Structure formats: C-alpha cells, structure tokens
C-alpha cells in the first residue's frame, strides 16, 4: 500500500503515524507516562503496526525478496 508513494512521502507518513500514536498514548491517563515515554511507546506501536499489517511490504512479516518470494 505505501509502496505506491515516493520514499520521502512514505517515510514522512510513517513518522506521522508514530507521532499520532504518541499523542494517543498521552491521552491514556491510566498509564501516567511522561512525554519521553509516550513518544517511545508511540514509536513502538507504529513499528509493530508496520511489522504485523500489510501497510508496507518492506518491513516485518510481509517483507519480500527482490524476486517476490517472502523472506524467511
């Protein structure tokens, strides 16, 4: 899905995804995280999202070899 975008735009969207998750984590008041920990948590959630979903085939379980076969 994200492969259709230019690399610069794709990476900007990935960074914005992490920032959006970090903002969301800040509003989960039961966690009581300071801004540094919420940013790290947002980045971790964004990375996990890229790994386990088909948003991009360049990371995680959907990563492909140049010939189109899945990486093992």
Protein backbone atom coordinates (compact mmCIF):
# COMPACT_ATOMS: atom_id res chain seq x y z
CA UNK A 1 0.00 0.00 0.00
CA UNK A 2 2.67 2.53 0.99
CA UNK A 3 4.97 1.35 -1.81
CA UNK A 4 2.92 3.41 -4.26
CA UNK A 5 4.22 6.60 -2.61
CA UNK A 6 7.62 8.18 -3.06
CA UNK A 7 10.16 7.16 -0.39
CA UNK A 8 10.18 10.66 1.10
CA UNK A 9 6.41 10.78 1.46
CA UNK A 10 6.26 7.19 2.73
CA UNK A 11 8.77 7.91 5.49
CA UNK A 12 7.02 11.17 6.39
CA UNK A 13 3.73 9.26 6.77
CA UNK A 14 5.44 6.62 8.91
CA UNK A 15 6.85 9.38 11.15
CA UNK A 16 3.41 11.00 11.38
CA UNK A 17 1.92 7.61 12.27
CA UNK A 18 4.35 7.35 15.18
CA UNK A 19 3.56 10.90 16.28
CA UNK A 20 -0.17 10.22 16.13
CA UNK A 21 0.23 7.08 18.24
CA UNK A 22 2.39 9.01 20.72
CA UNK A 23 -0.34 11.64 21.06
CA UNK A 24 -2.89 8.88 21.58
CA UNK A 25 -0.75 7.29 24.28
CA UNK A 26 -0.53 10.63 26.10
CA UNK A 27 -4.31 10.64 26.46
CA UNK A 28 -4.49 7.21 28.05
CA UNK A 29 -4.44 8.66 31.55
CA UNK A 30 -4.10 5.36 33.35
CA UNK A 31 -0.56 4.94 32.01
CA UNK A 32 0.77 8.20 33.54
CA UNK A 33 3.63 8.41 31.04
CA UNK A 34 5.86 11.44 30.68
CA UNK A 35 6.34 12.84 27.15
CA UNK A 36 9.55 10.88 26.52
CA UNK A 37 7.96 7.54 27.38
CA UNK A 38 4.80 8.33 25.42
CA UNK A 39 6.92 9.16 22.35
CA UNK A 40 8.80 5.87 22.72
CA UNK A 41 5.54 3.97 23.18
CA UNK A 42 4.06 5.66 20.09
CA UNK A 43 7.12 4.74 18.06
CA UNK A 44 6.94 1.15 19.27
CA UNK A 45 3.26 0.88 18.37
CA UNK A 46 3.94 2.37 14.92
CA UNK A 47 6.80 -0.09 14.34
CA UNK A 48 4.63 -3.02 15.41
CA UNK A 49 1.85 -1.78 13.15
CA UNK A 50 4.23 -1.79 10.20
CA UNK A 51 5.51 -5.25 11.09
CA UNK A 52 2.18 -7.04 11.53
CA UNK A 53 -0.03 -5.29 8.98
CA UNK A 54 0.22 -5.09 5.20
CA UNK A 55 0.69 -1.29 5.14
CA UNK A 56 4.08 -1.87 3.54
CA UNK A 57 5.88 -4.90 2.16
CA UNK A 58 9.30 -3.55 3.15
CA UNK A 59 9.17 -4.37 6.85
CA UNK A 60 8.09 -7.26 9.01
CA UNK A 61 6.24 -10.40 8.06
CA UNK A 62 5.30 -9.18 4.58
CA UNK A 63 8.89 -8.31 3.59
CA UNK A 64 9.70 -9.76 0.17
CA UNK A 65 12.86 -10.76 -1.66
CA UNK A 66 13.59 -9.00 -4.98
CA UNK A 67 12.05 -11.97 -6.83
CA UNK A 68 8.77 -11.54 -4.93
CA UNK A 69 9.11 -14.51 -2.59
CA UNK A 70 8.65 -13.98 1.17
CA UNK A 71 11.79 -13.57 3.25
CA UNK A 72 12.34 -16.36 5.73
